[in-house]
Amino acid sequence: MRQNIKAVAFDLDGTLYPSYRINIRLLPFALVNLRLLIAFGKAREIIRKEQEYTPDLSPEEFYAYQAKIISRLLGDPEKEIQEKVDRLIYRGWEPHFKSVKLYSYVKETLEALRKAGYKLALLSDFPPKNKLVYLDLGNYWDVTLCSESTGKIKPHPRSFREIAQSLNVKPEDILYVGNSHSYDVVGAASAGMQTALIKRSLPSAAARLLHLPKKLPKPAFTFSDYRQLYDYMLD
């Protein structure tokens, strides 16, 4: 057991299950709603850029602001856009998680961490509550949080700090586990947390192409199998 860590926080999408398993199920939806999805992705990019340049400013209501940006991109009414995003993306995707398989040994690792006395938290950029029920992961967490509810999305440090406050654990005593270097590792490190990155193995040529700039924080631990995280935390 790692004495300098008191809590372990996890990202959800792409971290507790492989992203391709949900992407395959969403392919028919994506083909029908491609225009909306492209605008949604662009809106998130715009929001992240604004967070980078004006980190202390927040919209009064995140979802309305997001809809406003998408409305501007598509030329459709804001209320119509917000209703579509909520119905088709936020609520519409959730039932697909009923048939998504987790990474192997996720549950065994979470159970062992709890038994060892670690507090557990989950932080996602999308609402996690129903997804966790469908994935049969609803009962493992001391704290769950959607970053959008704070008015900022990853990698802004606000939601990471709120996780620490909710756990009543100092950020430096938390290990944050995610699958995105630019969102999870950078965001958690900027809040003062230790980090771990789940990363599927890449051919050496591809790995060199994806080599991280030296100025970006590097995870303390990188793994591809949850048994490695189990051993890292509990041996």
Protein backbone atom coordinates (compact mmCIF):
# COMPACT_ATOMS: atom_id res chain seq x y z
CA MET A 1 0.00 0.00 0.00
CA ARG A 2 1.32 3.44 -0.94
CA GLN A 3 1.54 5.48 2.24
CA ASN A 4 1.63 8.83 0.43
CA ILE A 5 -1.76 8.25 -1.26
CA LYS A 6 -5.04 8.40 0.66
CA ALA A 7 -7.53 8.43 -2.23
CA VAL A 8 -7.73 7.30 -5.85
CA ALA A 9 -9.90 9.18 -8.33
CA PHE A 10 -10.80 7.90 -11.78
CA ASP A 11 -11.94 9.28 -15.09
CA LEU A 12 -14.77 7.23 -16.62
CA ASP A 13 -14.92 7.24 -20.42
CA GLY A 14 -11.96 5.45 -21.97
CA THR A 15 -10.47 4.76 -18.53
CA LEU A 16 -12.76 2.16 -16.98
CA TYR A 17 -13.68 0.69 -20.36
CA PRO A 18 -12.07 0.89 -23.84
CA SER A 19 -13.47 3.79 -25.87
CA TYR A 20 -13.92 1.67 -28.99
CA ARG A 21 -16.56 -0.45 -27.25
CA ILE A 22 -18.95 2.48 -26.97
CA ASN A 23 -17.87 4.11 -30.24
CA ILE A 24 -18.92 1.02 -32.20
CA ARG A 25 -22.37 1.11 -30.60
CA LEU A 26 -22.74 4.82 -31.34
CA LEU A 27 -21.77 4.56 -35.01
CA PRO A 28 -25.39 4.48 -36.33
CA PHE A 29 -26.22 7.50 -34.17
CA ALA A 30 -23.11 9.33 -35.40
CA LEU A 31 -24.02 8.78 -39.06
CA VAL A 32 -27.53 10.19 -38.54
CA ASN A 33 -26.46 13.12 -36.33
CA LEU A 34 -23.05 13.93 -37.80
CA ARG A 35 -23.76 17.66 -38.18
CA LEU A 36 -24.70 18.04 -34.52
CA LEU A 37 -21.76 15.93 -33.31
CA ILE A 38 -19.21 17.94 -35.28
CA ALA A 39 -20.60 21.20 -33.90
CA PHE A 40 -20.67 19.74 -30.38
CA GLY A 41 -16.99 18.79 -30.67
CA LYS A 42 -16.08 22.24 -32.00
CA ALA A 43 -17.98 23.90 -29.16
CA ARG A 44 -16.01 21.91 -26.61
CA GLU A 45 -12.77 22.97 -28.29
CA ILE A 46 -13.88 26.62 -28.11
CA ILE A 47 -14.78 26.28 -24.43
CA ARG A 48 -11.40 24.73 -23.63
CA LYS A 49 -9.59 27.52 -25.46
CA GLU A 50 -11.58 30.13 -23.53
CA GLN A 51 -10.73 28.35 -20.28
CA GLU A 52 -7.06 28.49 -21.19
CA TYR A 53 -7.08 32.23 -21.94
CA THR A 54 -9.53 33.32 -19.21
CA PRO A 55 -9.23 30.63 -16.51
CA ASP A 56 -11.04 32.62 -13.82
CA LEU A 57 -14.17 33.37 -15.84
CA SER A 58 -17.10 30.96 -16.05
CA PRO A 59 -20.47 31.02 -17.81
CA GLU A 60 -23.42 31.39 -15.44
CA GLU A 61 -24.95 28.19 -16.83
CA PHE A 62 -22.63 25.78 -18.65
CA TYR A 63 -25.21 23.90 -20.71
CA ALA A 64 -26.91 27.07 -21.93
CA TYR A 65 -23.54 28.54 -22.87
CA GLN A 66 -22.53 25.37 -24.72
CA ALA A 67 -25.86 25.45 -26.61
CA LYS A 68 -25.25 29.10 -27.48
CA ILE A 69 -21.93 28.23 -29.13
CA ILE A 70 -23.42 25.30 -31.04
CA SER A 71 -26.32 27.50 -32.11
CA ARG A 72 -23.87 30.03 -33.50
CA LEU A 73 -22.03 27.29 -35.40
CA LEU A 74 -25.15 25.71 -36.88
CA GLY A 75 -27.52 28.68 -37.14
CA ASP A 76 -30.27 26.84 -35.23
CA PRO A 77 -32.20 28.26 -32.23
CA GLU A 78 -30.44 27.92 -28.87
CA LYS A 79 -33.39 26.30 -27.08
CA GLU A 80 -33.73 23.74 -29.86
CA ILE A 81 -30.01 22.97 -29.70
CA GLN A 82 -30.00 22.57 -25.91
CA GLU A 83 -32.97 20.22 -26.08
CA LYS A 84 -31.31 18.15 -28.83
CA VAL A 85 -28.00 17.89 -27.02
CA ASP A 86 -29.71 16.80 -23.81
CA ARG A 87 -32.03 14.32 -25.51
CA LEU A 88 -29.70 12.89 -28.14
CA ILE A 89 -26.23 13.10 -26.56
CA TYR A 90 -26.52 13.25 -22.78
CA ARG A 91 -29.56 11.01 -22.31
CA GLY A 92 -29.55 9.30 -25.69
CA TRP A 93 -26.13 7.71 -25.34
CA GLU A 94 -26.57 6.36 -21.82
CA PRO A 95 -28.59 3.16 -22.55
CA HIS A 96 -25.81 1.93 -24.84
CA PHE A 97 -23.63 1.43 -21.78
CA LYS A 98 -25.76 -1.53 -20.69
CA SER A 99 -23.81 -3.74 -23.09
CA VAL A 100 -20.35 -2.20 -22.73
CA LYS A 101 -17.71 -4.39 -21.09
CA LEU A 102 -15.25 -2.89 -18.64
CA TYR A 103 -11.53 -3.38 -18.83
CA SER A 104 -10.58 -6.66 -17.19
CA TYR A 105 -9.94 -6.48 -13.42
CA VAL A 106 -11.54 -3.05 -12.96
CA LYS A 107 -13.99 -4.25 -10.33
CA GLU A 108 -11.40 -6.39 -8.57
CA THR A 109 -9.06 -3.40 -8.38
CA LEU A 110 -11.75 -1.05 -7.06
CA GLU A 111 -12.83 -3.58 -4.44
CA ALA A 112 -9.24 -4.12 -3.32
CA LEU A 113 -8.58 -0.39 -3.08
CA ARG A 114 -11.66 0.11 -0.91
CA LYS A 115 -10.72 -2.84 1.28
CA ALA A 116 -7.24 -1.36 1.73
CA GLY A 117 -8.78 1.86 3.05
CA TYR A 118 -8.44 4.19 0.08
CA LYS A 119 -11.22 6.65 -0.63
CA LEU A 120 -12.51 6.39 -4.21
CA ALA A 121 -13.84 9.14 -6.45
CA LEU A 122 -14.94 9.49 -10.04
CA LEU A 123 -14.68 12.64 -12.16
CA SER A 124 -16.11 12.73 -15.69
CA ASP A 125 -16.66 15.49 -18.25
CA PHE A 126 -20.09 13.95 -18.95
CA PRO A 127 -22.80 13.13 -16.38
CA PRO A 128 -21.72 9.78 -14.88
CA LYS A 129 -24.66 8.70 -12.69
CA ASN A 130 -26.69 6.60 -15.13
CA LYS A 131 -23.59 5.31 -16.94
CA LEU A 132 -22.27 3.93 -13.65
CA VAL A 133 -25.56 2.12 -13.02
CA TYR A 134 -25.53 0.58 -16.52
CA LEU A 135 -21.86 -0.44 -16.08
CA ASP A 136 -22.66 -1.94 -12.66
CA LEU A 137 -20.23 0.44 -10.97
CA GLY A 138 -22.65 2.52 -8.95
CA ASN A 139 -21.64 1.41 -5.45
CA TYR A 140 -17.88 1.89 -5.37
CA TRP A 141 -17.53 5.65 -4.91
CA ASP A 142 -17.25 8.02 -1.99
CA VAL A 143 -17.68 10.95 -4.41
CA THR A 144 -18.80 11.26 -8.04
CA LEU A 145 -18.69 14.52 -9.98
CA CYS A 146 -19.42 15.82 -13.47
CA SER A 147 -16.98 18.60 -14.32
CA GLU A 148 -19.66 20.43 -16.31
CA SER A 149 -21.52 21.09 -13.04
CA THR A 150 -18.59 23.28 -11.94
CA GLY A 151 -18.79 25.41 -15.10
CA LYS A 152 -15.40 24.16 -16.33
CA ILE A 153 -14.36 21.03 -18.21
CA LYS A 154 -11.03 19.21 -18.16
CA PRO A 155 -8.21 20.11 -18.10
CA HIS A 156 -9.24 23.12 -16.02
CA PRO A 157 -8.27 22.30 -12.41
CA ARG A 158 -11.54 23.44 -10.79
CA SER A 159 -13.35 20.09 -10.83
CA PHE A 160 -10.21 18.24 -9.69
CA ARG A 161 -9.97 20.59 -6.71
CA GLU A 162 -13.65 20.05 -5.95
CA ILE A 163 -13.07 16.30 -5.88
CA ALA A 164 -10.31 16.83 -3.32
CA GLN A 165 -12.54 19.08 -1.21
CA SER A 166 -15.43 16.61 -1.35
CA LEU A 167 -13.15 13.76 -0.26
CA ASN A 168 -11.58 15.96 2.45
CA VAL A 169 -8.18 14.86 1.16
CA LYS A 170 -5.31 17.11 0.09
CA PRO A 171 -4.78 17.07 -3.69
CA GLU A 172 -1.19 15.86 -3.28
CA ASP A 173 -2.53 12.77 -1.45
CA ILE A 174 -4.76 11.76 -4.39
CA LEU A 175 -3.81 9.62 -7.36
CA TYR A 176 -5.91 10.52 -10.41
CA VAL A 177 -6.24 7.80 -13.05
CA GLY A 178 -7.22 8.73 -16.61
CA ASN A 179 -6.71 7.84 -20.27
CA SER A 180 -6.02 11.31 -21.68
CA HIS A 181 -2.70 13.01 -21.10
CA SER A 182 -3.91 16.44 -22.23
CA TYR A 183 -7.14 16.37 -20.18
CA ASP A 184 -6.61 13.99 -17.24
CA VAL A 185 -2.90 14.15 -16.48
CA VAL A 186 -2.52 17.86 -17.20
CA GLY A 187 -5.72 18.78 -15.33
CA ALA A 188 -5.03 16.65 -12.26
CA ALA A 189 -1.38 17.71 -12.08
CA SER A 190 -2.37 21.38 -12.30
CA ALA A 191 -4.57 20.80 -9.24
CA GLY A 192 -1.63 19.27 -7.37
CA MET A 193 -2.59 15.58 -7.71
CA GLN A 194 -0.42 12.61 -8.52
CA THR A 195 -1.39 10.95 -11.80
CA ALA A 196 -1.55 7.59 -13.54
CA LEU A 197 -2.28 7.05 -17.22
CA ILE A 198 -3.88 3.98 -18.79
CA LYS A 199 -2.40 3.64 -22.23
CA ARG A 200 -2.76 0.81 -24.70
CA SER A 201 0.57 -0.30 -26.14
CA LEU A 202 1.66 1.37 -29.38
CA PRO A 203 4.17 0.37 -32.03
CA SER A 204 7.50 2.06 -31.35
CA ALA A 205 7.20 4.34 -34.41
CA ALA A 206 3.78 5.57 -33.32
CA ALA A 207 5.02 6.03 -29.77
CA ARG A 208 7.80 8.29 -31.01
CA LEU A 209 5.31 10.38 -32.96
CA LEU A 210 3.22 10.82 -29.83
CA HIS A 211 6.20 11.69 -27.63
CA LEU A 212 5.13 14.24 -25.06
CA PRO A 213 6.75 17.69 -24.98
CA LYS A 214 9.09 18.05 -22.02
CA LYS A 215 7.14 20.99 -20.62
CA LEU A 216 4.00 18.89 -20.02
CA PRO A 217 3.68 16.98 -16.73
CA LYS A 218 4.30 13.26 -17.00
CA PRO A 219 2.25 10.66 -15.10
CA ALA A 220 3.89 9.00 -12.13
CA PHE A 221 2.71 5.64 -13.44
CA THR A 222 1.63 4.36 -16.85
CA PHE A 223 -0.16 1.03 -17.25
CA SER A 224 -2.11 -0.99 -19.81
CA ASP A 225 -3.70 -3.63 -17.54
CA TYR A 226 -5.56 -3.03 -14.29
CA ARG A 227 -3.53 -5.77 -12.63
CA GLN A 228 -0.55 -3.43 -13.00
CA LEU A 229 -2.42 -0.65 -11.19
CA TYR A 230 -3.46 -3.17 -8.52
CA ASP A 231 0.17 -4.14 -7.95
CA TYR A 232 1.35 -0.51 -8.04
CA MET A 233 -1.09 0.51 -5.31
CA LEU A 234 -1.30 -2.58 -3.14
CA ASP A 235 1.96 -4.53 -3.25
